[in-house]
C-alpha atoms as a PDB file:
ATOM      1  CA  LEU A   1      -1.223  -2.907  -1.944  1.00  0.00           C
ATOM      2  CA  THR A   2      -5.158  -3.760  -1.245  1.00  0.00           C
ATOM      3  CA  LEU A   3      -6.468  -4.679   1.832  1.00  0.00           C
ATOM      4  CA  ASP A   4      -9.827  -6.171   2.652  1.00  0.00           C
ATOM      5  CA  VAL A   5     -11.054  -6.227   6.051  1.00  0.00           C
ATOM      6  CA  GLY A   6     -14.053  -8.576   7.107  1.00  0.00           C
ATOM      7  CA  TYR A   7     -15.725  -8.389  10.460  1.00  0.00           C
ATOM      8  CA  ASP A   8     -17.090 -11.121  13.066  1.00  0.00           C
ATOM      9  CA  ARG A   9     -20.724 -11.784  12.905  1.00  0.00           C
ATOM     10  CA  GLU A  10     -20.495 -11.254  16.817  1.00  0.00           C
ATOM     11  CA  ASN A  11     -20.072  -7.518  16.605  1.00  0.00           C
ATOM     12  CA  CYS A  12     -24.031  -7.357  15.416  1.00  0.00           C
ATOM     13  CA  ASP A  13     -24.849 -10.460  17.595  1.00  0.00           C
ATOM     14  CA  CYS A  14     -24.525  -8.342  20.442  1.00  0.00           C
ATOM     15  CA  GLY A  15     -26.624  -5.592  19.662  1.00  0.00           C
ATOM     16  CA  LYS A  16     -24.349  -2.786  20.263  1.00  0.00           C
ATOM     17  CA  TYR A  17     -23.309  -2.506  16.517  1.00  0.00           C
ATOM     18  CA  ARG A  18     -25.563   0.172  14.669  1.00  0.00           C
ATOM     19  CA  GLY A  19     -23.500   0.519  11.424  1.00  0.00           C
ATOM     20  CA  PRO A  20     -24.191  -0.466   7.728  1.00  0.00           C
ATOM     21  CA  VAL A  21     -24.452  -4.356   7.242  1.00  0.00           C
ATOM     22  CA  HIS A  22     -24.965  -7.316   4.747  1.00  0.00           C
ATOM     23  CA  ILE A  23     -26.115 -10.753   4.661  1.00  0.00           C
ATOM     24  CA  ASP A  24     -23.501 -13.028   4.242  1.00  0.00           C
ATOM     25  CA  HIS A  25     -23.265 -16.712   2.307  1.00  0.00           C
ATOM     26  CA  TYR A  26     -25.447 -18.358   5.292  1.00  0.00           C
ATOM     27  CA  GLY A  27     -28.010 -15.869   5.652  1.00  0.00           C
ATOM     28  CA  ARG A  28     -26.802 -14.210   8.906  1.00  0.00           C
ATOM     29  CA  THR A  29     -26.186 -10.353   9.191  1.00  0.00           C
ATOM     30  CA  VAL A  30     -22.220  -9.132   9.684  1.00  0.00           C
ATOM     31  CA  PRO A  31     -21.072  -5.519   9.421  1.00  0.00           C
ATOM     32  CA  LYS A  32     -20.142  -4.433   6.075  1.00  0.00           C
ATOM     33  CA  GLY A  33     -16.304  -4.838   5.497  1.00  0.00           C
ATOM     34  CA  ALA A  34     -13.544  -2.344   4.952  1.00  0.00           C
ATOM     35  CA  HIS A  35     -11.820  -2.086   1.578  1.00  0.00           C
ATOM     36  CA  GLY A  36      -8.486   0.165   0.592  1.00  0.00           C
ATOM     37  CA  SER A  37      -5.730   0.576  -1.472  1.00  0.00           C
ATOM     38  CA  THR A  38      -2.455   2.354  -1.342  1.00  0.00           C
ATOM     39  CA  LYS A  39       0.251   3.031  -4.118  1.00  0.00           C
ATOM     40  CA  LEU A  40       3.896   2.702  -3.239  1.00  0.00           C
ATOM     41  CA  ASP A  41       6.245   5.501  -4.004  1.00  0.00           C
ATOM     42  CA  ASN A  42       8.702   3.027  -5.933  1.00  0.00           C
ATOM     43  CA  PRO A  43       8.844  -0.962  -6.453  1.00  0.00           C
ATOM     44  CA  THR A  44      10.092  -2.661  -3.474  1.00  0.00           C
ATOM     45  CA  ASN A  45      10.318  -6.252  -2.230  1.00  0.00           C
ATOM     46  CA  LEU A  46      10.955  -4.989   1.300  1.00  0.00           C
ATOM     47  CA  GLY A  47       9.130  -6.182   3.951  1.00  0.00           C
ATOM     48  CA  SER A  48       9.651  -3.331   6.250  1.00  0.00           C
ATOM     49  CA  ILE A  49       7.942  -0.816   3.754  1.00  0.00           C
ATOM     50  CA  LEU A  50       5.223  -3.391   2.816  1.00  0.00           C
ATOM     51  CA  ILE A  51       4.531  -4.024   6.199  1.00  0.00           C
ATOM     52  CA  SER A  52       4.301  -0.553   7.240  1.00  0.00           C
ATOM     53  CA  ALA A  53       2.271   0.535   4.297  1.00  0.00           C
ATOM     54  CA  THR A  54      -0.202  -2.347   5.034  1.00  0.00           C
ATOM     55  CA  THR A  55      -0.554  -1.434   9.098  1.00  0.00           C
ATOM     56  CA  GLU A  56      -1.256   2.616   7.546  1.00  0.00           C
ATOM     57  CA  LEU A  57      -3.673   1.271   5.519  1.00  0.00           C
ATOM     58  CA  PHE A  58      -5.528  -0.735   7.977  1.00  0.00           C
ATOM     59  CA  GLU A  59      -5.126   2.122  10.803  1.00  0.00           C
ATOM     60  CA  ARG A  60      -6.892   4.366   8.225  1.00  0.00           C
ATOM     61  CA  ILE A  61      -9.815   1.753   6.850  1.00  0.00           C
ATOM     62  CA  ALA A  62     -10.613  -0.412  10.038  1.00  0.00           C
ATOM     63  CA  ASP A  63     -13.479   0.087  12.660  1.00  0.00           C
ATOM     64  CA  LYS A  64     -11.240  -0.370  15.742  1.00  0.00           C
ATOM     65  CA  THR A  65     -14.443  -1.142  17.539  1.00  0.00           C
ATOM     66  CA  LEU A  66     -15.440  -4.247  15.783  1.00  0.00           C
ATOM     67  CA  THR A  67     -13.649  -7.997  16.001  1.00  0.00           C
ATOM     68  CA  VAL A  68     -11.967  -8.780  12.976  1.00  0.00           C
ATOM     69  CA  ARG A  69     -12.912 -12.256  11.352  1.00  0.00           C
ATOM     70  CA  ARG A  70     -10.571 -11.923   8.117  1.00  0.00           C
ATOM     71  CA  ILE A  71      -7.934 -10.051   6.285  1.00  0.00           C
ATOM     72  CA  THR A  72      -6.818 -10.163   2.564  1.00  0.00           C
ATOM     73  CA  ILE A  73      -3.629  -8.618   1.227  1.00  0.00           C
ATOM     74  CA  ALA A  74      -3.363  -8.100  -2.462  1.00  0.00           C
ATOM     75  CA  ALA A  75      -0.331  -6.662  -3.882  1.00  0.00           C
ATOM     76  CA  ASN A  76      -1.048  -4.974  -7.533  1.00  0.00           C
ATOM     77  CA  ARG A  77       0.854  -4.012 -10.313  1.00  0.00           C
ATOM     78  CA  VAL A  78       3.626  -6.341  -9.947  1.00  0.00           C
ATOM     79  CA  VAL A  79       6.893  -6.165 -11.827  1.00  0.00           C
ATOM     80  CA  LYS A  80       9.659  -9.049 -12.150  1.00  0.00           C
ATOM     81  CA  ASP A  81      12.369  -8.073  -9.986  1.00  0.00           C
ATOM     82  CA  GLU A  82      15.188  -7.293 -12.207  1.00  0.00           C
ATOM     83  CA  GLY A  83      17.697  -5.845 -10.024  1.00  0.00           C
ATOM     84  CA  PHE A  84      15.708  -2.927  -8.689  1.00  0.00           C
ATOM     85  CA  PHE A  85      17.781  -0.920  -5.921  1.00  0.00           C
ATOM     86  CA  GLN A  86      16.084   0.399  -2.824  1.00  0.00           C
ATOM     87  CA  VAL A  87      16.748   3.802  -2.555  1.00  0.00           C
END
């Protein structure tokens, strides 16, 4: 699973944020986003495992002091479900 977190520009507008920034497509200063990935132990289609892994990844990479504007989640190395059994 890959997770990208984009932060709201209002974090910079209020003047309290002092971390790394970049310029968005509109020329505004925004906090630099967070990016991370995790590998699951086994192929799965169970929502509970996917949600748990995504939540743990978010807790690890996201700055909890900033407001989030967008979240992008991608599934990597997807395989066709041919009767995998969940262990």
